[in-house]
Amino acid sequence: MDTRRLEAFVKVVDLGSMSRAAKMLNIAQPALSQQIASLEVDFKRKLLDRSARGVMPTEAGRILYRYAKSIQRQIEEARRTILENRSGLTGNVTIGLAPLSSAALLATPLLTQVRERYPGIVLHIYDSSGVMLSEMMLKGSMDIAVLYGDRPVTGLDYKPLMREYFYLVAPRSLYANQEPSKEVSAEEVAQFDLLLPYRESFLRQTVERVCAEAGLRPRIVAEIHSQSTLSSAIAAGMGAAVLPMSIAKELPNLDKLCIRRINAPSASQQMSLCISDNVALSDAAFAVYKILLEIIAKDWGPFDFAADPNSATAISTASSNGSDEEL
């Protein structure tokens, strides 16, 4: 198959417009339309839906898009290996790590291990909102992700790793010299000025659900997605945050903070390893996948699924771990 037709198809889906894609590819729009029509003839399926609002892939189109993105990455890896005349594994591997979660702490050891073992592999690490990472996985733009959530999604395979519990993190100055208990109720959480990530994040949704179960709404005074900005805002006494213990313990001036576990059944989220369930990992991505499993097993405890992502089946193991240690 002519890979130029796949490139054209991917560009149309990415831009959502035939005219913009034609301009970007520097070809006439009728020629681009002919390339798409030729693909539809090859696959015997309609691949794109056209409307006044733009162009969207059909179900068959979404499947082809994921495979086309994988093919593009493999061709790019082959080109880099040949041009740089490198031995060993080479290529780009894209990893998503849920922000403000234990997954974010995997970045440094993963970078270190990959650099030591496979210097020809370039890691691209994203820590945007979980929804964005899931979308990148579905589009085939990302190889592996460690995310909150465990609900099956068509096209993605979620392998539960552990359950992460959430804590209210507030400056001790907000307690007026009183020594609070080690746990906090949903009712008390709703009384704090809260610094939370965007509405799309699983952490934010968890806080809203915990408060809703108590018949209340959280009092959100700022939406902050950056860990460094969140740390500064807490230190300045702007409000409290809700975080897993692993991230709370990384905040500066820890002795000036009060960290209390939220005493509510829903104040936790399952953390899972996410890969495509229909597109095999490249050799480079598979090597990174195995290193990631080693790091997770070392830091989070044992889990029960095969190291081969294409044959892994069973799962679920660690419920809580050292990250839930009380401070």
C-alpha atoms as a PDB file:
ATOM      1  CA  MET A   1       0.000   0.000   0.000  1.00  0.00           C
ATOM      2  CA  ASP A   2       1.166   3.521  -0.795  1.00  0.00           C
ATOM      3  CA  THR A   3       1.990   5.041   2.593  1.00  0.00           C
ATOM      4  CA  ARG A   4       1.342   8.512   1.151  1.00  0.00           C
ATOM      5  CA  ARG A   5      -2.368   7.716   1.095  1.00  0.00           C
ATOM      6  CA  LEU A   6      -2.208   6.765   4.778  1.00  0.00           C
ATOM      7  CA  GLU A   7      -0.348   9.986   5.551  1.00  0.00           C
ATOM      8  CA  ALA A   8      -3.046  11.951   3.744  1.00  0.00           C
ATOM      9  CA  PHE A   9      -5.794  10.121   5.623  1.00  0.00           C
ATOM     10  CA  VAL A  10      -4.130  10.779   9.001  1.00  0.00           C
ATOM     11  CA  LYS A  11      -3.717  14.459   8.186  1.00  0.00           C
ATOM     12  CA  VAL A  12      -7.409  14.799   7.262  1.00  0.00           C
ATOM     13  CA  VAL A  13      -8.476  13.176  10.545  1.00  0.00           C
ATOM     14  CA  ASP A  14      -6.044  15.294  12.585  1.00  0.00           C
ATOM     15  CA  LEU A  15      -7.207  18.560  11.016  1.00  0.00           C
ATOM     16  CA  GLY A  16     -10.866  17.620  10.577  1.00  0.00           C
ATOM     17  CA  SER A  17     -10.898  19.293   7.192  1.00  0.00           C
ATOM     18  CA  MET A  18     -10.147  18.222   3.617  1.00  0.00           C
ATOM     19  CA  SER A  19      -9.210  21.739   2.528  1.00  0.00           C
ATOM     20  CA  ARG A  20      -6.823  22.360   5.439  1.00  0.00           C
ATOM     21  CA  ALA A  21      -5.236  18.928   4.970  1.00  0.00           C
ATOM     22  CA  ALA A  22      -4.750  19.550   1.233  1.00  0.00           C
ATOM     23  CA  LYS A  23      -3.077  22.869   1.984  1.00  0.00           C
ATOM     24  CA  MET A  24      -0.830  21.301   4.641  1.00  0.00           C
ATOM     25  CA  LEU A  25       0.148  18.464   2.288  1.00  0.00           C
ATOM     26  CA  ASN A  26       0.599  20.921  -0.605  1.00  0.00           C
ATOM     27  CA  ILE A  27      -1.681  19.015  -2.967  1.00  0.00           C
ATOM     28  CA  ALA A  28      -4.931  19.906  -4.722  1.00  0.00           C
ATOM     29  CA  GLN A  29      -8.096  19.061  -2.810  1.00  0.00           C
ATOM     30  CA  PRO A  30      -9.520  16.874  -5.659  1.00  0.00           C
ATOM     31  CA  ALA A  31      -6.295  14.828  -5.592  1.00  0.00           C
ATOM     32  CA  LEU A  32      -6.620  14.405  -1.829  1.00  0.00           C
ATOM     33  CA  SER A  33     -10.264  13.356  -2.175  1.00  0.00           C
ATOM     34  CA  GLN A  34      -9.187  10.775  -4.752  1.00  0.00           C
ATOM     35  CA  GLN A  35      -6.603   9.329  -2.337  1.00  0.00           C
ATOM     36  CA  ILE A  36      -9.248   8.951   0.369  1.00  0.00           C
ATOM     37  CA  ALA A  37     -11.683   7.400  -2.104  1.00  0.00           C
ATOM     38  CA  SER A  38      -8.981   4.944  -3.171  1.00  0.00           C
ATOM     39  CA  LEU A  39      -8.477   3.901   0.460  1.00  0.00           C
ATOM     40  CA  GLU A  40     -12.223   3.387   0.875  1.00  0.00           C
ATOM     41  CA  VAL A  41     -12.213   1.154  -2.205  1.00  0.00           C
ATOM     42  CA  ASP A  42      -9.269  -0.862  -0.798  1.00  0.00           C
ATOM     43  CA  PHE A  43     -10.926  -1.389   2.599  1.00  0.00           C
ATOM     44  CA  LYS A  44     -14.475  -1.649   1.226  1.00  0.00           C
ATOM     45  CA  ARG A  45     -15.683   0.652   3.974  1.00  0.00           C
ATOM     46  CA  LYS A  46     -16.582   4.309   4.295  1.00  0.00           C
ATOM     47  CA  LEU A  47     -13.741   5.900   6.279  1.00  0.00           C
ATOM     48  CA  LEU A  48     -14.859   9.523   6.686  1.00  0.00           C
ATOM     49  CA  ASP A  49     -18.123  11.313   7.388  1.00  0.00           C
ATOM     50  CA  ARG A  50     -18.308  14.788   5.850  1.00  0.00           C
ATOM     51  CA  SER A  51     -20.634  17.495   7.165  1.00  0.00           C
ATOM     52  CA  ALA A  52     -20.853  21.268   7.462  1.00  0.00           C
ATOM     53  CA  ARG A  53     -18.998  20.967  10.780  1.00  0.00           C
ATOM     54  CA  GLY A  54     -16.015  19.220   9.214  1.00  0.00           C
ATOM     55  CA  VAL A  55     -14.736  15.709   8.637  1.00  0.00           C
ATOM     56  CA  MET A  56     -14.909  12.914  11.207  1.00  0.00           C
ATOM     57  CA  PRO A  57     -13.695   9.302  10.920  1.00  0.00           C
ATOM     58  CA  THR A  58     -16.260   6.508  10.874  1.00  0.00           C
ATOM     59  CA  GLU A  59     -15.773   3.469  13.116  1.00  0.00           C
ATOM     60  CA  ALA A  60     -13.733   1.835  10.327  1.00  0.00           C
ATOM     61  CA  GLY A  61     -11.856   5.104   9.911  1.00  0.00           C
ATOM     62  CA  ARG A  62     -10.909   5.210  13.594  1.00  0.00           C
ATOM     63  CA  ILE A  63      -9.518   1.682  13.357  1.00  0.00           C
ATOM     64  CA  LEU A  64      -7.485   2.551  10.255  1.00  0.00           C
ATOM     65  CA  TYR A  65      -6.255   5.756  11.909  1.00  0.00           C
ATOM     66  CA  ARG A  66      -4.747   3.826  14.846  1.00  0.00           C
ATOM     67  CA  TYR A  67      -2.963   1.407  12.534  1.00  0.00           C
ATOM     68  CA  ALA A  68      -1.807   4.220  10.242  1.00  0.00           C
ATOM     69  CA  LYS A  69      -0.270   6.106  13.188  1.00  0.00           C
ATOM     70  CA  SER A  70       1.542   2.935  14.240  1.00  0.00           C
ATOM     71  CA  ILE A  71       2.870   2.437  10.701  1.00  0.00           C
ATOM     72  CA  GLN A  72       4.066   6.047  10.588  1.00  0.00           C
ATOM     73  CA  ARG A  73       6.013   5.599  13.832  1.00  0.00           C
ATOM     74  CA  GLN A  74       7.614   2.380  12.610  1.00  0.00           C
ATOM     75  CA  ILE A  75       8.696   3.990   9.332  1.00  0.00           C
ATOM     76  CA  GLU A  76      10.154   6.913  11.268  1.00  0.00           C
ATOM     77  CA  GLU A  77      12.050   4.504  13.529  1.00  0.00           C
ATOM     78  CA  ALA A  78      13.425   2.649  10.513  1.00  0.00           C
ATOM     79  CA  ARG A  79      14.490   5.931   8.891  1.00  0.00           C
ATOM     80  CA  ARG A  80      16.264   7.098  12.045  1.00  0.00           C
ATOM     81  CA  THR A  81      18.029   3.758  12.525  1.00  0.00           C
ATOM     82  CA  ILE A  82      19.282   3.731   8.937  1.00  0.00           C
ATOM     83  CA  LEU A  83      20.313   7.397   8.763  1.00  0.00           C
ATOM     84  CA  GLU A  84      22.053   7.410  12.141  1.00  0.00           C
ATOM     85  CA  ASN A  85      23.609   3.991  11.508  1.00  0.00           C
ATOM     86  CA  ARG A  86      22.882   2.932  15.084  1.00  0.00           C
ATOM     87  CA  SER A  87      22.995  -0.560  16.450  1.00  0.00           C
ATOM     88  CA  GLY A  88      20.448  -1.746  19.001  1.00  0.00           C
ATOM     89  CA  LEU A  89      16.904  -0.513  19.522  1.00  0.00           C
ATOM     90  CA  THR A  90      16.031   2.966  18.333  1.00  0.00           C
ATOM     91  CA  GLY A  91      12.860   4.950  17.953  1.00  0.00           C
ATOM     92  CA  ASN A  92      10.368   7.245  19.650  1.00  0.00           C
ATOM     93  CA  VAL A  93       8.154   5.941  22.443  1.00  0.00           C
ATOM     94  CA  THR A  94       5.319   8.048  23.830  1.00  0.00           C
ATOM     95  CA  ILE A  95       4.284   7.566  27.456  1.00  0.00           C
ATOM     96  CA  GLY A  96       1.383   9.137  29.341  1.00  0.00           C
ATOM     97  CA  LEU A  97       1.507   9.490  33.140  1.00  0.00           C
ATOM     98  CA  ALA A  98      -1.547  10.727  35.018  1.00  0.00           C
ATOM     99  CA  PRO A  99      -0.668  14.110  36.555  1.00  0.00           C
ATOM    100  CA  LEU A 100      -0.797  14.665  40.329  1.00  0.00           C
ATOM    101  CA  SER A 101      -0.684  10.900  40.843  1.00  0.00           C
ATOM    102  CA  SER A 102       1.826   8.215  41.818  1.00  0.00           C
ATOM    103  CA  ALA A 103       2.264   7.615  38.079  1.00  0.00           C
ATOM    104  CA  ALA A 104       3.983  11.005  37.749  1.00  0.00           C
ATOM    105  CA  LEU A 105       6.795   9.721  39.984  1.00  0.00           C
ATOM    106  CA  LEU A 106       7.625   7.002  37.445  1.00  0.00           C
ATOM    107  CA  ALA A 107       9.039   9.515  34.958  1.00  0.00           C
ATOM    108  CA  THR A 108      12.541   9.956  36.402  1.00  0.00           C
ATOM    109  CA  PRO A 109      13.352   6.266  36.999  1.00  0.00           C
ATOM    110  CA  LEU A 110      11.913   5.411  33.584  1.00  0.00           C
ATOM    111  CA  LEU A 111      14.059   8.043  31.863  1.00  0.00           C
ATOM    112  CA  THR A 112      17.114   6.824  33.761  1.00  0.00           C
ATOM    113  CA  GLN A 113      16.628   3.142  32.960  1.00  0.00           C
ATOM    114  CA  VAL A 114      15.798   3.685  29.285  1.00  0.00           C
ATOM    115  CA  ARG A 115      18.794   5.983  28.870  1.00  0.00           C
ATOM    116  CA  GLU A 116      21.106   3.389  30.422  1.00  0.00           C
ATOM    117  CA  ARG A 117      19.804   0.366  28.508  1.00  0.00           C
ATOM    118  CA  TYR A 118      18.604   1.799  25.194  1.00  0.00           C
ATOM    119  CA  PRO A 119      20.282   5.136  24.413  1.00  0.00           C
ATOM    120  CA  GLY A 120      18.796   5.009  20.902  1.00  0.00           C
ATOM    121  CA  ILE A 121      15.221   5.261  22.248  1.00  0.00           C
ATOM    122  CA  VAL A 122      13.778   8.749  22.679  1.00  0.00           C
ATOM    123  CA  LEU A 123      11.012   8.990  25.282  1.00  0.00           C
ATOM    124  CA  HIS A 124       8.155  11.475  24.945  1.00  0.00           C
ATOM    125  CA  ILE A 125       6.420  11.812  28.324  1.00  0.00           C
ATOM    126  CA  TYR A 126       3.048  13.539  28.728  1.00  0.00           C
ATOM    127  CA  ASP A 127       1.371  14.407  32.015  1.00  0.00           C
ATOM    128  CA  SER A 128      -1.713  16.214  30.729  1.00  0.00           C
ATOM    129  CA  SER A 129      -5.211  15.477  32.012  1.00  0.00           C
ATOM    130  CA  GLY A 130      -6.284  11.835  31.988  1.00  0.00           C
ATOM    131  CA  VAL A 131      -8.961  12.495  29.380  1.00  0.00           C
ATOM    132  CA  MET A 132      -6.398  13.918  26.958  1.00  0.00           C
ATOM    133  CA  LEU A 133      -4.090  10.947  27.508  1.00  0.00           C
ATOM    134  CA  SER A 134      -6.943   8.510  26.843  1.00  0.00           C
ATOM    135  CA  GLU A 135      -7.769  10.348  23.621  1.00  0.00           C
ATOM    136  CA  MET A 136      -4.134  10.159  22.506  1.00  0.00           C
ATOM    137  CA  MET A 137      -4.154   6.415  23.202  1.00  0.00           C
ATOM    138  CA  LEU A 138      -7.354   5.969  21.189  1.00  0.00           C
ATOM    139  CA  LYS A 139      -5.907   7.954  18.273  1.00  0.00           C
ATOM    140  CA  GLY A 140      -2.735   5.872  18.264  1.00  0.00           C
ATOM    141  CA  SER A 141      -0.580   8.894  19.152  1.00  0.00           C
ATOM    142  CA  MET A 142       0.596   7.300  22.395  1.00  0.00           C
ATOM    143  CA  ASP A 143       2.087   3.864  23.070  1.00  0.00           C
ATOM    144  CA  ILE A 144       1.576   3.345  26.815  1.00  0.00           C
ATOM    145  CA  ALA A 145      -0.116   5.222  29.643  1.00  0.00           C
ATOM    146  CA  VAL A 146      -0.529   4.855  33.406  1.00  0.00           C
ATOM    147  CA  LEU A 147      -3.913   6.383  34.188  1.00  0.00           C
ATOM    148  CA  TYR A 148      -6.711   6.553  36.682  1.00  0.00           C
ATOM    149  CA  GLY A 149      -9.674   4.376  35.787  1.00  0.00           C
ATOM    150  CA  ASP A 150     -10.344   0.742  34.948  1.00  0.00           C
ATOM    151  CA  ARG A 151     -13.498   0.802  32.832  1.00  0.00           C
ATOM    152  CA  PRO A 152     -13.099  -0.963  29.479  1.00  0.00           C
ATOM    153  CA  VAL A 153     -12.863   1.356  26.489  1.00  0.00           C
ATOM    154  CA  THR A 154     -13.221   0.049  22.950  1.00  0.00           C
ATOM    155  CA  GLY A 155      -9.749  -0.080  21.468  1.00  0.00           C
ATOM    156  CA  LEU A 156      -7.921   0.146  24.807  1.00  0.00           C
ATOM    157  CA  ASP A 157      -6.868  -2.432  27.369  1.00  0.00           C
ATOM    158  CA  TYR A 158      -6.778  -1.337  31.031  1.00  0.00           C
ATOM    159  CA  LYS A 159      -4.752  -3.516  33.414  1.00  0.00           C
ATOM    160  CA  PRO A 160      -5.378  -2.496  37.060  1.00  0.00           C
ATOM    161  CA  LEU A 161      -2.200  -1.921  39.073  1.00  0.00           C
ATOM    162  CA  MET A 162      -3.256  -0.515  42.439  1.00  0.00           C
ATOM    163  CA  ARG A 163      -5.869   1.615  44.176  1.00  0.00           C
ATOM    164  CA  GLU A 164      -4.772   5.125  45.073  1.00  0.00           C
ATOM    165  CA  TYR A 165      -6.323   6.856  48.095  1.00  0.00           C
ATOM    166  CA  PHE A 166      -6.760  10.600  48.422  1.00  0.00           C
ATOM    167  CA  TYR A 167      -5.850  13.015  51.215  1.00  0.00           C
ATOM    168  CA  LEU A 168      -6.731  16.574  52.098  1.00  0.00           C
ATOM    169  CA  VAL A 169      -3.514  18.629  52.138  1.00  0.00           C
ATOM    170  CA  ALA A 170      -3.772  21.983  53.902  1.00  0.00           C
ATOM    171  CA  PRO A 171      -1.422  24.463  55.637  1.00  0.00           C
ATOM    172  CA  ARG A 172      -1.456  23.970  59.387  1.00  0.00           C
ATOM    173  CA  SER A 173      -2.196  27.695  59.663  1.00  0.00           C
ATOM    174  CA  LEU A 174      -5.743  27.012  58.433  1.00  0.00           C
ATOM    175  CA  TYR A 175      -6.510  25.023  61.588  1.00  0.00           C
ATOM    176  CA  ALA A 176      -6.067  27.928  64.039  1.00  0.00           C
ATOM    177  CA  ASN A 177      -3.540  26.099  66.237  1.00  0.00           C
ATOM    178  CA  GLN A 178      -5.842  23.107  66.665  1.00  0.00           C
ATOM    179  CA  GLU A 179      -4.500  19.601  66.106  1.00  0.00           C
ATOM    180  CA  PRO A 180      -6.884  17.972  63.630  1.00  0.00           C
ATOM    181  CA  SER A 181      -7.655  14.266  63.501  1.00  0.00           C
ATOM    182  CA  LYS A 182      -5.855  11.968  61.047  1.00  0.00           C
ATOM    183  CA  GLU A 183      -8.988  11.587  58.938  1.00  0.00           C
ATOM    184  CA  VAL A 184     -11.353  14.146  57.453  1.00  0.00           C
ATOM    185  CA  SER A 185     -14.999  13.713  56.506  1.00  0.00           C
ATOM    186  CA  ALA A 186     -16.568  14.701  53.207  1.00  0.00           C
ATOM    187  CA  GLU A 187     -18.513  17.417  55.031  1.00  0.00           C
ATOM    188  CA  GLU A 188     -15.288  18.998  56.285  1.00  0.00           C
ATOM    189  CA  VAL A 189     -13.609  18.760  52.877  1.00  0.00           C
ATOM    190  CA  ALA A 190     -16.469  20.790  51.409  1.00  0.00           C
ATOM    191  CA  GLN A 191     -15.815  23.580  53.926  1.00  0.00           C
ATOM    192  CA  PHE A 192     -12.268  24.253  52.686  1.00  0.00           C
ATOM    193  CA  ASP A 193     -11.247  26.591  49.886  1.00  0.00           C
ATOM    194  CA  LEU A 194      -9.979  23.994  47.423  1.00  0.00           C
ATOM    195  CA  LEU A 195      -7.252  24.129  44.782  1.00  0.00           C
ATOM    196  CA  LEU A 196      -8.128  21.410  42.280  1.00  0.00           C
ATOM    197  CA  PRO A 197      -7.208  20.423  38.722  1.00  0.00           C
ATOM    198  CA  TYR A 198      -9.526  20.858  35.751  1.00  0.00           C
ATOM    199  CA  ARG A 199     -13.028  19.380  35.734  1.00  0.00           C
ATOM    200  CA  GLU A 200     -11.964  16.691  33.240  1.00  0.00           C
ATOM    201  CA  SER A 201      -9.430  15.137  35.626  1.00  0.00           C
ATOM    202  CA  PHE A 202     -10.266  11.973  37.562  1.00  0.00           C
ATOM    203  CA  LEU A 203      -9.006  13.556  40.782  1.00  0.00           C
ATOM    204  CA  ARG A 204     -11.392  16.515  40.433  1.00  0.00           C
ATOM    205  CA  GLN A 205     -14.273  14.175  39.599  1.00  0.00           C
ATOM    206  CA  THR A 206     -13.473  12.111  42.693  1.00  0.00           C
ATOM    207  CA  VAL A 207     -13.623  15.160  44.974  1.00  0.00           C
ATOM    208  CA  GLU A 208     -16.917  16.285  43.455  1.00  0.00           C
ATOM    209  CA  ARG A 209     -18.361  12.786  43.873  1.00  0.00           C
ATOM    210  CA  VAL A 210     -17.229  12.539  47.519  1.00  0.00           C
ATOM    211  CA  CYS A 211     -18.880  15.881  48.331  1.00  0.00           C
ATOM    212  CA  ALA A 212     -22.025  15.058  46.335  1.00  0.00           C
ATOM    213  CA  GLU A 213     -22.500  11.850  48.323  1.00  0.00           C
ATOM    214  CA  ALA A 214     -22.682  14.064  51.414  1.00  0.00           C
ATOM    215  CA  GLY A 215     -25.180  16.361  49.695  1.00  0.00           C
ATOM    216  CA  LEU A 216     -22.626  19.147  49.274  1.00  0.00           C
ATOM    217  CA  ARG A 217     -20.562  20.855  46.586  1.00  0.00           C
ATOM    218  CA  PRO A 218     -16.817  21.491  46.865  1.00  0.00           C
ATOM    219  CA  ARG A 219     -15.763  25.126  47.275  1.00  0.00           C
ATOM    220  CA  ILE A 220     -13.252  25.460  44.442  1.00  0.00           C
ATOM    221  CA  VAL A 221     -11.304  28.734  44.454  1.00  0.00           C
ATOM    222  CA  ALA A 222      -8.779  27.903  41.709  1.00  0.00           C
ATOM    223  CA  GLU A 223      -8.136  25.281  39.056  1.00  0.00           C
ATOM    224  CA  ILE A 224      -4.459  24.312  39.041  1.00  0.00           C
ATOM    225  CA  HIS A 225      -2.914  21.493  37.034  1.00  0.00           C
ATOM    226  CA  SER A 226       0.777  22.218  37.625  1.00  0.00           C
ATOM    227  CA  GLN A 227       2.339  20.568  40.674  1.00  0.00           C
ATOM    228  CA  SER A 228       4.825  23.419  41.161  1.00  0.00           C
ATOM    229  CA  THR A 229       2.082  26.066  41.013  1.00  0.00           C
ATOM    230  CA  LEU A 230      -0.080  24.010  43.353  1.00  0.00           C
ATOM    231  CA  SER A 231       2.790  23.751  45.843  1.00  0.00           C
ATOM    232  CA  SER A 232       3.279  27.524  45.805  1.00  0.00           C
ATOM    233  CA  ALA A 233      -0.433  28.196  46.260  1.00  0.00           C
ATOM    234  CA  ILE A 234      -0.688  25.852  49.238  1.00  0.00           C
ATOM    235  CA  ALA A 235       2.441  27.366  50.809  1.00  0.00           C
ATOM    236  CA  ALA A 236       0.919  30.836  50.387  1.00  0.00           C
ATOM    237  CA  GLY A 237      -2.162  29.718  52.339  1.00  0.00           C
ATOM    238  CA  MET A 238      -4.483  30.101  49.348  1.00  0.00           C
ATOM    239  CA  GLY A 239      -6.343  26.913  50.173  1.00  0.00           C
ATOM    240  CA  ALA A 240      -6.156  23.135  50.454  1.00  0.00           C
ATOM    241  CA  ALA A 241      -5.594  20.455  47.827  1.00  0.00           C
ATOM    242  CA  VAL A 242      -6.626  16.842  47.450  1.00  0.00           C
ATOM    243  CA  LEU A 243      -3.746  14.554  46.500  1.00  0.00           C
ATOM    244  CA  PRO A 244      -2.488  10.981  46.854  1.00  0.00           C
ATOM    245  CA  MET A 245       0.049  10.541  49.646  1.00  0.00           C
ATOM    246  CA  SER A 246       2.879   9.901  47.178  1.00  0.00           C
ATOM    247  CA  ILE A 247       2.532  13.418  45.743  1.00  0.00           C
ATOM    248  CA  ALA A 248       1.722  15.084  49.080  1.00  0.00           C
ATOM    249  CA  LYS A 249       5.019  13.831  50.522  1.00  0.00           C
ATOM    250  CA  GLU A 250       6.904  15.510  47.659  1.00  0.00           C
ATOM    251  CA  LEU A 251       5.590  18.997  48.540  1.00  0.00           C
ATOM    252  CA  PRO A 252       8.061  21.494  50.062  1.00  0.00           C
ATOM    253  CA  ASN A 253       7.714  22.641  53.699  1.00  0.00           C
ATOM    254  CA  LEU A 254       6.082  19.340  54.593  1.00  0.00           C
ATOM    255  CA  ASP A 255       6.323  20.140  58.319  1.00  0.00           C
ATOM    256  CA  LYS A 256       3.973  23.087  57.786  1.00  0.00           C
ATOM    257  CA  LEU A 257       1.292  20.970  56.149  1.00  0.00           C
ATOM    258  CA  CYS A 258      -1.438  18.808  57.588  1.00  0.00           C
ATOM    259  CA  ILE A 259      -2.231  15.689  55.562  1.00  0.00           C
ATOM    260  CA  ARG A 260      -5.452  13.862  56.416  1.00  0.00           C
ATOM    261  CA  ARG A 261      -6.989  10.860  54.713  1.00  0.00           C
ATOM    262  CA  ILE A 262     -10.486  11.496  53.373  1.00  0.00           C
ATOM    263  CA  ASN A 263     -12.835   9.137  55.163  1.00  0.00           C
ATOM    264  CA  ALA A 264     -15.263   8.284  52.378  1.00  0.00           C
ATOM    265  CA  PRO A 265     -15.747   5.031  50.422  1.00  0.00           C
ATOM    266  CA  SER A 266     -15.357   6.767  47.082  1.00  0.00           C
ATOM    267  CA  ALA A 267     -12.229   8.783  47.989  1.00  0.00           C
ATOM    268  CA  SER A 268      -9.946   6.621  45.859  1.00  0.00           C
ATOM    269  CA  GLN A 269      -9.282   5.709  42.243  1.00  0.00           C
ATOM    270  CA  GLN A 270      -7.987   2.596  40.513  1.00  0.00           C
ATOM    271  CA  MET A 271      -4.705   3.166  38.699  1.00  0.00           C
ATOM    272  CA  SER A 272      -4.205   1.124  35.538  1.00  0.00           C
ATOM    273  CA  LEU A 273      -1.698   0.445  32.802  1.00  0.00           C
ATOM    274  CA  CYS A 274      -3.216   1.270  29.414  1.00  0.00           C
ATOM    275  CA  ILE A 275      -2.194  -0.015  25.992  1.00  0.00           C
ATOM    276  CA  SER A 276      -3.972  -0.536  22.678  1.00  0.00           C
ATOM    277  CA  ASP A 277      -5.847  -3.823  22.441  1.00  0.00           C
ATOM    278  CA  ASN A 278      -5.555  -4.094  18.669  1.00  0.00           C
ATOM    279  CA  VAL A 279      -2.220  -2.544  17.639  1.00  0.00           C
ATOM    280  CA  ALA A 280       0.987  -4.292  18.740  1.00  0.00           C
ATOM    281  CA  LEU A 281       3.734  -2.265  20.366  1.00  0.00           C
ATOM    282  CA  SER A 282       6.850  -1.564  18.338  1.00  0.00           C
ATOM    283  CA  ASP A 283      10.087  -3.242  19.459  1.00  0.00           C
ATOM    284  CA  ALA A 284      11.201  -0.008  21.124  1.00  0.00           C
ATOM    285  CA  ALA A 285       7.848   0.507  22.863  1.00  0.00           C
ATOM    286  CA  PHE A 286       7.837  -3.118  24.033  1.00  0.00           C
ATOM    287  CA  ALA A 287      11.308  -2.653  25.570  1.00  0.00           C
ATOM    288  CA  VAL A 288      10.090   0.457  27.413  1.00  0.00           C
ATOM    289  CA  TYR A 289       6.936  -1.395  28.483  1.00  0.00           C
ATOM    290  CA  LYS A 290       9.034  -4.105  30.160  1.00  0.00           C
ATOM    291  CA  ILE A 291      11.188  -1.515  31.962  1.00  0.00           C
ATOM    292  CA  LEU A 292       8.045   0.263  33.133  1.00  0.00           C
ATOM    293  CA  LEU A 293       6.698  -2.997  34.576  1.00  0.00           C
ATOM    294  CA  GLU A 294       9.983  -3.546  36.441  1.00  0.00           C
ATOM    295  CA  ILE A 295       9.815  -0.077  37.995  1.00  0.00           C
ATOM    296  CA  ILE A 296       6.147  -0.453  38.937  1.00  0.00           C
ATOM    297  CA  ALA A 297       6.805  -3.846  40.544  1.00  0.00           C
ATOM    298  CA  LYS A 298       9.713  -2.384  42.532  1.00  0.00           C
ATOM    299  CA  ASP A 299       7.908   0.769  43.675  1.00  0.00           C
ATOM    300  CA  TRP A 300       4.294  -0.402  43.960  1.00  0.00           C
ATOM    301  CA  GLY A 301       4.569  -4.083  44.761  1.00  0.00           C
ATOM    302  CA  PRO A 302       3.781  -7.250  42.780  1.00  0.00           C
ATOM    303  CA  PHE A 303       1.057  -7.527  40.186  1.00  0.00           C
ATOM    304  CA  ASP A 304      -0.238 -10.450  38.189  1.00  0.00           C
ATOM    305  CA  PHE A 305      -0.153 -10.148  34.439  1.00  0.00           C
ATOM    306  CA  ALA A 306       2.237 -11.227  31.734  1.00  0.00           C
ATOM    307  CA  ALA A 307       5.160  -9.044  30.642  1.00  0.00           C
ATOM    308  CA  ASP A 308       4.030  -9.471  27.041  1.00  0.00           C
ATOM    309  CA  PRO A 309       1.311  -6.848  26.443  1.00  0.00           C
ATOM    310  CA  ASN A 310      -0.062  -8.865  23.538  1.00  0.00           C
ATOM    311  CA  SER A 311      -0.776 -11.929  25.684  1.00  0.00           C
ATOM    312  CA  ALA A 312      -1.512 -10.390  29.078  1.00  0.00           C
ATOM    313  CA  THR A 313      -4.776 -11.471  30.623  1.00  0.00           C
ATOM    314  CA  ALA A 314      -5.398 -11.448  34.342  1.00  0.00           C
ATOM    315  CA  ILE A 315      -4.717  -8.671  36.700  1.00  0.00           C
ATOM    316  CA  SER A 316      -5.367  -6.901  39.954  1.00  0.00           C
ATOM    317  CA  THR A 317      -3.197  -7.189  42.960  1.00  0.00           C
ATOM    318  CA  ALA A 318      -1.978  -4.412  45.127  1.00  0.00           C
ATOM    319  CA  SER A 319      -4.792  -2.637  46.890  1.00  0.00           C
ATOM    320  CA  SER A 320      -2.930  -0.138  49.001  1.00  0.00           C
ATOM    321  CA  ASN A 321       0.799   0.319  49.468  1.00  0.00           C
ATOM    322  CA  GLY A 322       3.428   2.488  51.036  1.00  0.00           C
ATOM    323  CA  SER A 323       1.900   5.559  49.404  1.00  0.00           C
ATOM    324  CA  ASP A 324      -0.951   5.321  51.932  1.00  0.00           C
ATOM    325  CA  GLU A 325       1.323   5.647  54.918  1.00  0.00           C
ATOM    326  CA  GLU A 326       0.002   8.099  57.497  1.00  0.00           C
ATOM    327  CA  LEU A 327       1.920  11.278  58.243  1.00  0.00           C
END
